[in-house]
Amino acid sequence: MKTRKVFSALMLILTCTASFNFAASAALSKNEKAIAQKKEVETKAGGAKNAIEAKVDNQAKNRSDSYWKKKLDPKVYEVTRCSATEAPFTGKYWDNHKPGEYKCSNCGELLFDSRDKFDSGSGWPSFSKPTGASVDKKVDKSHGMVRDEVICKNCGAHLGHVFNDGPTATGMRYCINSASLDFDEDKSRKK
């Protein structure tokens, strides 16, 4: 008899928890839709600059792994969420010389500018510095090495690694996987 009461109480708790989680999820979904609609209105009113800003996922740090798995191409997921590395000279941006901005392929955060890109001979897009404070670093001890991993500050996506052997005034070489980037060409300027 006591076991049955405990079981019934547990079932009630589970049912209430599931109902709360469903209601919270539905409310969040409605809230996300409202935010997206507000951004769309702001974008139409504010021109190109706001259109770019509206593409940034400001909730990216709170997203689950299952969200990213559904949203991203499998190769992009493998590189940005599982810290894989593209083979050199295979990514779509290693030899891109067009003027523009490089953004996080996961959340849209502005990461690098083409003016800071250089040919390192490594086979990966290389930059002398990030744009603003858009990237974080953390120690990577994988593959028997100690390196500084570079991640998107907004969503935590693995971007690549940074080394202190760059040829520019910063002395840095941000060696970035193309799969972690999206490129917005700026046809109004030259590199």
Protein backbone atom coordinates (compact mmCIF):
# COMPACT_ATOMS: atom_id res chain seq x y z
CA MET A 1 0.00 0.00 0.00
CA LYS A 2 2.80 2.44 0.94
CA THR A 3 4.65 1.62 -2.33
CA ARG A 4 1.52 2.41 -4.33
CA LYS A 5 1.17 5.83 -2.63
CA VAL A 6 4.82 6.64 -3.30
CA PHE A 7 4.43 5.52 -6.92
CA SER A 8 1.28 7.65 -7.31
CA ALA A 9 3.04 10.67 -5.82
CA LEU A 10 6.00 10.19 -8.17
CA MET A 11 3.69 9.88 -11.17
CA LEU A 12 1.91 13.10 -10.15
CA ILE A 13 5.26 14.92 -9.84
CA LEU A 14 6.40 13.61 -13.23
CA THR A 15 3.12 14.60 -14.86
CA CYS A 16 3.27 18.11 -13.39
CA THR A 17 6.92 18.49 -14.40
CA ALA A 18 6.18 17.35 -17.95
CA SER A 19 3.23 19.75 -18.18
CA PHE A 20 5.34 22.61 -16.87
CA ASN A 21 8.18 21.82 -19.30
CA PHE A 22 5.72 21.65 -22.21
CA ALA A 23 4.10 24.97 -21.20
CA ALA A 24 7.50 26.61 -20.72
CA SER A 25 8.66 25.28 -24.08
CA ALA A 26 5.53 26.58 -25.80
CA ALA A 27 5.94 29.98 -24.11
CA LEU A 28 9.58 30.12 -25.16
CA SER A 29 8.60 29.22 -28.70
CA LYS A 30 6.02 32.03 -28.74
CA ASN A 31 8.59 34.41 -27.25
CA GLU A 32 11.18 33.46 -29.89
CA LYS A 33 8.59 34.08 -32.63
CA ALA A 34 7.76 37.50 -31.16
CA ILE A 35 11.46 38.40 -31.01
CA ALA A 36 11.96 37.27 -34.62
CA GLN A 37 8.94 39.33 -35.76
CA LYS A 38 10.23 42.39 -33.86
CA LYS A 39 13.67 41.99 -35.46
CA GLU A 40 12.06 41.69 -38.90
CA VAL A 41 10.18 44.96 -38.36
CA GLU A 42 13.35 46.67 -37.05
CA THR A 43 15.27 45.33 -40.04
CA LYS A 44 12.77 46.72 -42.54
CA ALA A 45 12.84 50.07 -40.77
CA GLY A 46 16.58 50.25 -40.12
CA GLY A 47 18.21 49.27 -43.42
CA ALA A 48 21.18 47.05 -44.21
CA LYS A 49 23.09 47.45 -40.94
CA ASN A 50 20.14 46.22 -38.89
CA ALA A 51 19.51 43.42 -41.39
CA ILE A 52 22.95 42.04 -40.60
CA GLU A 53 22.52 42.46 -36.85
CA ALA A 54 19.11 40.77 -36.93
CA LYS A 55 20.72 37.58 -38.23
CA VAL A 56 22.69 37.08 -34.99
CA ASP A 57 21.20 34.42 -32.72
CA ASN A 58 21.34 36.08 -29.30
CA GLN A 59 20.05 32.93 -27.59
CA ALA A 60 22.82 30.77 -29.06
CA LYS A 61 24.60 30.03 -25.77
CA ASN A 62 21.39 28.53 -24.39
CA ARG A 63 20.80 26.16 -27.30
CA SER A 64 20.99 22.40 -26.76
CA ASP A 65 23.20 20.01 -28.65
CA SER A 66 20.11 18.49 -30.28
CA TYR A 67 19.16 21.98 -31.56
CA TRP A 68 22.57 22.37 -33.24
CA LYS A 69 22.45 18.85 -34.66
CA LYS A 70 19.12 19.61 -36.35
CA LYS A 71 20.06 23.13 -37.49
CA LEU A 72 23.54 22.58 -38.90
CA ASP A 73 24.88 20.70 -41.89
CA PRO A 74 26.58 17.50 -40.61
CA LYS A 75 30.07 18.73 -41.60
CA VAL A 76 29.51 22.11 -39.93
CA TYR A 77 28.18 20.35 -36.83
CA GLU A 78 31.21 18.05 -36.70
CA VAL A 79 33.67 20.96 -36.95
CA THR A 80 31.91 23.54 -34.77
CA ARG A 81 30.27 21.38 -32.13
CA CYS A 82 32.67 18.40 -31.96
CA SER A 83 35.92 20.33 -32.56
CA ALA A 84 36.82 18.47 -35.75
CA THR A 85 39.25 20.02 -38.25
CA GLU A 86 38.83 20.32 -42.00
CA ALA A 87 41.62 18.98 -44.17
CA PRO A 88 43.87 21.80 -45.40
CA PHE A 89 43.08 23.38 -48.79
CA THR A 90 39.54 21.89 -48.80
CA GLY A 91 37.44 24.61 -47.12
CA LYS A 92 35.48 27.11 -49.18
CA TYR A 93 37.23 30.22 -47.79
CA TRP A 94 40.93 29.31 -47.56
CA ASP A 95 41.58 31.01 -50.92
CA ASN A 96 38.84 33.67 -50.80
CA HIS A 97 40.22 37.15 -51.55
CA LYS A 98 36.96 39.08 -51.82
CA PRO A 99 36.27 42.03 -49.49
CA GLY A 100 33.72 41.41 -46.77
CA GLU A 101 32.99 40.02 -43.35
CA TYR A 102 33.27 36.52 -41.93
CA LYS A 103 30.56 35.50 -39.50
CA CYS A 104 29.95 32.48 -37.30
CA SER A 105 28.20 29.77 -39.34
CA ASN A 106 26.23 28.76 -36.25
CA CYS A 107 24.88 32.04 -34.85
CA GLY A 108 25.77 34.83 -37.30
CA GLU A 109 28.12 36.70 -34.95
CA LEU A 110 30.65 38.91 -36.78
CA LEU A 111 34.08 37.32 -36.26
CA PHE A 112 36.64 38.53 -38.81
CA ASP A 113 37.09 41.13 -41.54
CA SER A 114 38.71 40.35 -44.90
CA ARG A 115 41.14 43.25 -44.34
CA ASP A 116 42.71 41.14 -41.57
CA LYS A 117 42.93 37.96 -43.69
CA PHE A 118 46.25 36.79 -45.11
CA ASP A 119 47.66 33.77 -46.94
CA SER A 120 49.51 31.75 -44.31
CA GLY A 121 50.21 28.85 -46.67
CA SER A 122 48.49 26.55 -44.17
CA GLY A 123 45.41 25.79 -46.27
CA TRP A 124 42.99 27.37 -43.80
CA PRO A 125 41.63 30.91 -43.71
CA SER A 126 44.05 32.90 -41.54
CA PHE A 127 43.46 36.24 -39.86
CA SER A 128 45.68 38.59 -37.86
CA LYS A 129 42.90 39.49 -35.40
CA PRO A 130 39.21 39.02 -34.71
CA THR A 131 36.67 41.82 -35.08
CA GLY A 132 36.04 43.35 -31.67
CA ALA A 133 35.70 40.94 -28.77
CA SER A 134 33.88 38.29 -30.78
CA VAL A 135 36.08 35.29 -29.97
CA ASP A 136 37.28 33.57 -26.82
CA LYS A 137 40.24 31.30 -26.33
CA LYS A 138 40.61 28.16 -24.28
CA VAL A 139 43.41 25.66 -23.82
CA ASP A 140 43.22 22.63 -26.13
CA LYS A 141 45.31 19.61 -25.09
CA SER A 142 44.08 17.26 -27.81
CA HIS A 143 46.29 15.28 -30.19
CA GLY A 144 49.28 15.38 -27.82
CA MET A 145 49.69 19.16 -28.19
CA VAL A 146 48.87 22.23 -26.14
CA ARG A 147 47.26 24.95 -28.26
CA ASP A 148 44.85 27.85 -27.88
CA GLU A 149 41.47 26.91 -29.30
CA VAL A 150 39.38 29.78 -30.67
CA ILE A 151 35.63 29.72 -30.06
CA CYS A 152 32.76 32.06 -30.91
CA LYS A 153 32.02 34.17 -27.85
CA ASN A 154 28.31 34.30 -28.69
CA CYS A 155 27.55 30.58 -29.14
CA GLY A 156 30.67 28.62 -28.17
CA ALA A 157 31.25 27.15 -31.65
CA HIS A 158 34.74 25.76 -32.28
CA LEU A 159 36.39 27.98 -34.91
CA GLY A 160 39.99 26.78 -35.03
CA HIS A 161 43.23 27.73 -33.23
CA VAL A 162 45.40 30.80 -32.75
CA PHE A 163 49.19 30.82 -32.97
CA ASN A 164 51.75 33.53 -32.22
CA ASP A 165 53.61 33.14 -35.54
CA GLY A 166 51.63 35.57 -37.71
CA PRO A 167 53.40 37.90 -40.17
CA THR A 168 51.46 41.06 -39.31
CA ALA A 169 51.93 43.65 -36.53
CA THR A 170 49.75 41.60 -34.14
CA GLY A 171 52.06 38.59 -34.49
CA MET A 172 48.98 36.37 -34.36
CA ARG A 173 47.62 33.80 -36.82
CA TYR A 174 44.00 32.86 -36.27
CA CYS A 175 43.78 29.62 -38.25
CA ILE A 176 40.05 29.07 -38.82
CA ASN A 177 37.98 26.25 -40.34
CA SER A 178 35.86 27.38 -43.30
CA ALA A 179 32.97 25.30 -41.94
CA SER A 180 32.78 27.63 -38.95
CA LEU A 181 32.38 30.68 -41.19
CA ASP A 182 29.82 32.34 -43.42
CA PHE A 183 31.00 35.12 -45.70
CA ASP A 184 29.15 38.34 -46.55
CA GLU A 185 30.80 39.97 -49.53
CA ASP A 186 31.02 43.76 -49.49
CA LYS A 187 30.93 44.75 -53.16
CA SER A 188 31.19 48.43 -52.25
CA ARG A 189 34.80 48.19 -51.12
CA LYS A 190 38.04 46.71 -52.29
CA LYS A 191 40.15 44.47 -50.13
